[in-house]
């Protein structure tokens, strides 16, 4: 083998190794970011290559959104609205599920997400909330069955739980804000003095609302 051919072969081998390493790194990153939504997209698109092109497209479109967190007062207002929706489940489960879907959509809009077209909503939400898209899809499917009178009370109860999973994520406290709350305490100072909130006021943990409503407490019909 001539020197020129040998050099070309080495360069091609190096290029192939770099490409393979980059491809594997991209796959690992997308799996971490999208969670179960990655595998679902592979199945729906018929292969890894097409799925990753779709997920990369979602990321590019997601970057164009102007997203923002909710301030604490708005989070509390939405939690109170969720409790009222949950209470309606006892007497009118179908209406409660419809209202839960509407409330989740309202919060999406206030955060800056698109609110029209289910698949469009999923595409944008999945970039940051991929691990709850299974819940959102299940809730949507049950809502469709409920609209046709084909959902049982237990189905509707599950839909409320699925909607709650995404609702909690959309209202979650940013990590930086949660750390500040833990450091200062409610109304206190940076020394950790609990201030007027008292020693029993617990900070949020893990970026999640500390007092998230529980739909699984709704009485069974």
Protein backbone atom coordinates (compact mmCIF):
# COMPACT_ATOMS: atom_id res chain seq x y z
CA UNK A 1 0.00 0.00 0.00
CA UNK A 2 1.38 3.39 -0.98
CA UNK A 3 1.89 6.12 1.58
CA UNK A 4 -0.87 8.27 0.05
CA UNK A 5 -3.43 5.46 0.20
CA UNK A 6 -2.40 4.65 3.77
CA UNK A 7 -2.86 8.30 4.83
CA UNK A 8 -6.28 8.45 3.19
CA UNK A 9 -7.33 5.26 4.96
CA UNK A 10 -6.17 6.57 8.35
CA UNK A 11 -7.94 9.91 7.83
CA UNK A 12 -11.15 8.10 6.80
CA UNK A 13 -10.94 5.86 9.86
CA UNK A 14 -10.43 8.85 12.16
CA UNK A 15 -13.33 10.72 10.54
CA UNK A 16 -15.58 7.67 10.94
CA UNK A 17 -14.59 7.31 14.60
CA UNK A 18 -15.28 11.01 15.27
CA UNK A 19 -18.65 10.80 13.53
CA UNK A 20 -19.60 7.70 15.51
CA UNK A 21 -18.55 9.34 18.79
CA UNK A 22 -20.55 12.47 17.98
CA UNK A 23 -23.59 10.42 17.02
CA UNK A 24 -23.45 8.43 20.23
CA UNK A 25 -23.01 11.58 22.30
CA UNK A 26 -26.01 13.18 20.60
CA UNK A 27 -28.11 10.09 21.25
CA UNK A 28 -27.15 10.06 24.94
CA UNK A 29 -27.95 13.75 25.27
CA UNK A 30 -31.35 13.43 23.60
CA UNK A 31 -32.24 10.41 25.72
CA UNK A 32 -31.38 12.32 28.88
CA UNK A 33 -33.33 15.37 27.81
CA UNK A 34 -36.47 13.75 26.43
CA UNK A 35 -36.67 10.65 28.60
CA UNK A 36 -39.50 8.26 27.56
CA UNK A 37 -40.45 10.67 24.78
CA UNK A 38 -37.23 9.66 23.00
CA UNK A 39 -38.28 6.00 22.74
CA UNK A 40 -41.81 6.92 21.78
CA UNK A 41 -40.52 9.12 18.95
CA UNK A 42 -38.24 6.32 17.72
CA UNK A 43 -41.27 4.02 17.51
CA UNK A 44 -43.51 6.58 15.86
CA UNK A 45 -40.86 7.70 13.35
CA UNK A 46 -39.71 4.19 12.52
CA UNK A 47 -36.07 4.53 13.51
CA UNK A 48 -33.46 6.38 15.51
CA UNK A 49 -32.25 8.66 12.73
CA UNK A 50 -35.68 10.06 11.88
CA UNK A 51 -36.56 10.34 15.57
CA UNK A 52 -33.44 12.32 16.41
CA UNK A 53 -34.02 14.67 13.49
CA UNK A 54 -37.51 15.30 14.86
CA UNK A 55 -36.24 15.90 18.40
CA UNK A 56 -33.49 18.23 17.19
CA UNK A 57 -36.16 20.15 15.27
CA UNK A 58 -38.20 20.45 18.46
CA UNK A 59 -35.17 21.88 20.25
CA UNK A 60 -34.62 24.48 17.52
CA UNK A 61 -38.26 25.57 17.60
CA UNK A 62 -38.25 25.58 21.38
CA UNK A 63 -35.35 28.04 21.42
CA UNK A 64 -37.55 30.56 19.61
CA UNK A 65 -40.07 30.64 22.48
CA UNK A 66 -39.93 33.40 25.09
CA UNK A 67 -40.53 31.33 28.21
CA UNK A 68 -40.67 32.70 31.72
CA UNK A 69 -41.34 31.39 35.21
CA UNK A 70 -44.45 32.26 37.19
CA UNK A 71 -44.10 34.54 40.17
CA UNK A 72 -44.99 33.03 43.58
CA UNK A 73 -48.36 34.81 43.78
CA UNK A 74 -49.48 33.39 40.43
CA UNK A 75 -48.34 29.90 41.42
CA UNK A 76 -50.46 30.10 44.55
CA UNK A 77 -53.48 31.35 42.59
CA UNK A 78 -53.20 28.45 40.18
CA UNK A 79 -52.83 25.95 43.02
CA UNK A 80 -56.04 27.31 44.54
CA UNK A 81 -57.81 26.99 41.18
CA UNK A 82 -56.62 23.39 40.92
CA UNK A 83 -58.06 22.61 44.36
CA UNK A 84 -61.44 23.99 43.27
CA UNK A 85 -61.35 21.91 40.08
CA UNK A 86 -60.46 18.85 42.13
CA UNK A 87 -63.37 19.46 44.48
CA UNK A 88 -65.78 19.52 41.51
CA UNK A 89 -64.65 16.00 40.61
CA UNK A 90 -66.87 14.54 43.35
CA UNK A 91 -70.11 15.67 41.69
CA UNK A 92 -69.13 16.24 38.05
CA UNK A 93 -66.03 14.21 37.13
CA UNK A 94 -66.33 14.78 33.38
CA UNK A 95 -66.54 18.54 33.83
CA UNK A 96 -63.66 18.50 36.31
CA UNK A 97 -61.40 16.72 33.83
CA UNK A 98 -62.33 19.20 31.11
CA UNK A 99 -61.57 22.07 33.48
CA UNK A 100 -58.26 20.47 34.49
CA UNK A 101 -57.25 20.33 30.84
CA UNK A 102 -58.23 23.97 30.43
CA UNK A 103 -56.29 25.05 33.51
CA UNK A 104 -53.15 23.24 32.35
CA UNK A 105 -53.49 24.98 28.98
CA UNK A 106 -53.88 28.38 30.64
CA UNK A 107 -50.69 27.83 32.65
CA UNK A 108 -48.88 26.77 29.47
CA UNK A 109 -49.90 30.02 27.82
CA UNK A 110 -48.78 32.13 30.75
CA UNK A 111 -45.42 30.37 30.75
CA UNK A 112 -45.05 31.21 27.05
CA UNK A 113 -45.86 27.85 25.42
CA UNK A 114 -48.15 27.51 22.38
CA UNK A 115 -51.69 26.58 23.36
CA UNK A 116 -53.18 25.40 20.06
CA UNK A 117 -52.97 21.90 18.65
CA UNK A 118 -52.25 18.99 20.96
CA UNK A 119 -49.23 17.65 19.05
CA UNK A 120 -47.79 21.16 18.76
CA UNK A 121 -48.13 21.60 22.52
CA UNK A 122 -46.46 18.25 23.13
CA UNK A 123 -43.61 19.06 20.73
CA UNK A 124 -42.69 22.21 22.64
CA UNK A 125 -43.38 20.91 26.14
CA UNK A 126 -41.36 17.74 25.57
CA UNK A 127 -38.09 19.66 25.30
CA UNK A 128 -38.17 20.54 29.00
CA UNK A 129 -40.89 18.22 30.28
CA UNK A 130 -40.30 15.06 28.27
CA UNK A 131 -40.71 12.80 31.29
CA UNK A 132 -44.29 13.97 31.86
CA UNK A 133 -45.46 13.77 28.25
CA UNK A 134 -46.68 10.22 28.83
CA UNK A 135 -48.98 11.60 31.52
CA UNK A 136 -50.19 14.38 29.24
CA UNK A 137 -50.86 12.01 26.35
CA UNK A 138 -52.78 9.62 28.63
CA UNK A 139 -54.86 12.46 30.05
CA UNK A 140 -55.64 13.72 26.54
CA UNK A 141 -56.68 10.24 25.37
CA UNK A 142 -59.03 9.82 28.34
CA UNK A 143 -60.49 13.28 27.73
CA UNK A 144 -61.26 12.28 24.16
CA UNK A 145 -63.02 9.13 25.37
CA UNK A 146 -64.92 11.14 27.97
CA UNK A 147 -66.18 13.50 25.25
CA UNK A 148 -67.72 10.42 23.57
CA UNK A 149 -69.14 9.10 26.84
CA UNK A 150 -66.70 6.18 26.88
CA UNK A 151 -64.68 6.94 30.03
CA UNK A 152 -65.44 5.43 33.44
CA UNK A 153 -65.16 7.33 36.71
CA UNK A 154 -61.88 5.53 37.37
CA UNK A 155 -60.61 6.57 33.93
CA UNK A 156 -61.48 10.16 34.77
CA UNK A 157 -59.73 9.89 38.13
CA UNK A 158 -56.59 8.73 36.34
CA UNK A 159 -56.90 11.62 33.88
CA UNK A 160 -56.89 14.06 36.80
CA UNK A 161 -53.73 12.45 38.14
CA UNK A 162 -52.08 12.62 34.71
CA UNK A 163 -52.99 16.29 34.29
CA UNK A 164 -51.70 17.00 37.79
CA UNK A 165 -48.24 15.61 36.90
CA UNK A 166 -47.78 18.19 34.13
CA UNK A 167 -49.51 20.92 36.14
CA UNK A 168 -47.01 20.49 38.97
CA UNK A 169 -44.07 20.68 36.58
CA UNK A 170 -45.37 23.84 34.94
CA UNK A 171 -45.73 25.45 38.37
CA UNK A 172 -42.41 24.13 39.69
CA UNK A 173 -40.13 26.54 41.49
CA UNK A 174 -36.85 27.31 39.64
CA UNK A 175 -33.85 25.74 41.36
CA UNK A 176 -32.24 29.12 42.11
CA UNK A 177 -35.40 30.45 43.68
CA UNK A 178 -35.83 27.31 45.76
CA UNK A 179 -32.27 27.64 47.06
CA UNK A 180 -32.85 31.27 48.00
CA UNK A 181 -36.06 30.34 49.83
CA UNK A 182 -34.20 27.63 51.74
CA UNK A 183 -31.38 30.03 52.65
CA UNK A 184 -33.54 32.92 53.81
CA UNK A 185 -36.66 31.21 55.07
CA UNK A 186 -40.08 32.84 54.46
CA UNK A 187 -39.73 36.46 55.48
CA UNK A 188 -36.38 35.78 57.19
CA UNK A 189 -32.81 36.71 56.37
CA UNK A 190 -29.80 34.94 54.90
CA UNK A 191 -28.93 33.45 58.28
CA UNK A 192 -31.80 30.99 57.93
CA UNK A 193 -34.00 32.71 60.54
CA UNK A 194 -37.52 31.51 59.66
CA UNK A 195 -38.94 34.99 60.27
CA UNK A 196 -42.70 35.52 60.59
CA UNK A 197 -43.43 32.25 58.80
CA UNK A 198 -42.32 30.31 61.87
CA UNK A 199 -40.15 27.25 62.19
CA UNK A 200 -42.79 25.05 60.64
CA UNK A 201 -42.69 26.73 57.23
CA UNK A 202 -40.83 24.27 55.00
CA UNK A 203 -39.07 25.33 51.80
CA UNK A 204 -39.86 23.77 48.44
CA UNK A 205 -37.79 20.72 47.62
CA UNK A 206 -36.41 19.57 44.31
CA UNK A 207 -37.91 22.48 42.37
CA UNK A 208 -41.47 21.26 43.02
CA UNK A 209 -44.37 23.00 44.77
CA UNK A 210 -44.28 22.00 48.43
CA UNK A 211 -48.03 21.92 48.77
CA UNK A 212 -49.14 20.37 45.51
CA UNK A 213 -52.83 19.31 45.47
CA UNK A 214 -53.59 15.59 45.47
CA UNK A 215 -56.21 14.41 43.00
CA UNK A 216 -55.95 10.87 44.31
CA UNK A 217 -57.84 12.01 47.40
CA UNK A 218 -61.02 12.51 45.41
CA UNK A 219 -63.70 10.13 46.73
CA UNK A 220 -64.60 7.24 44.52
CA UNK A 221 -68.03 7.31 42.93
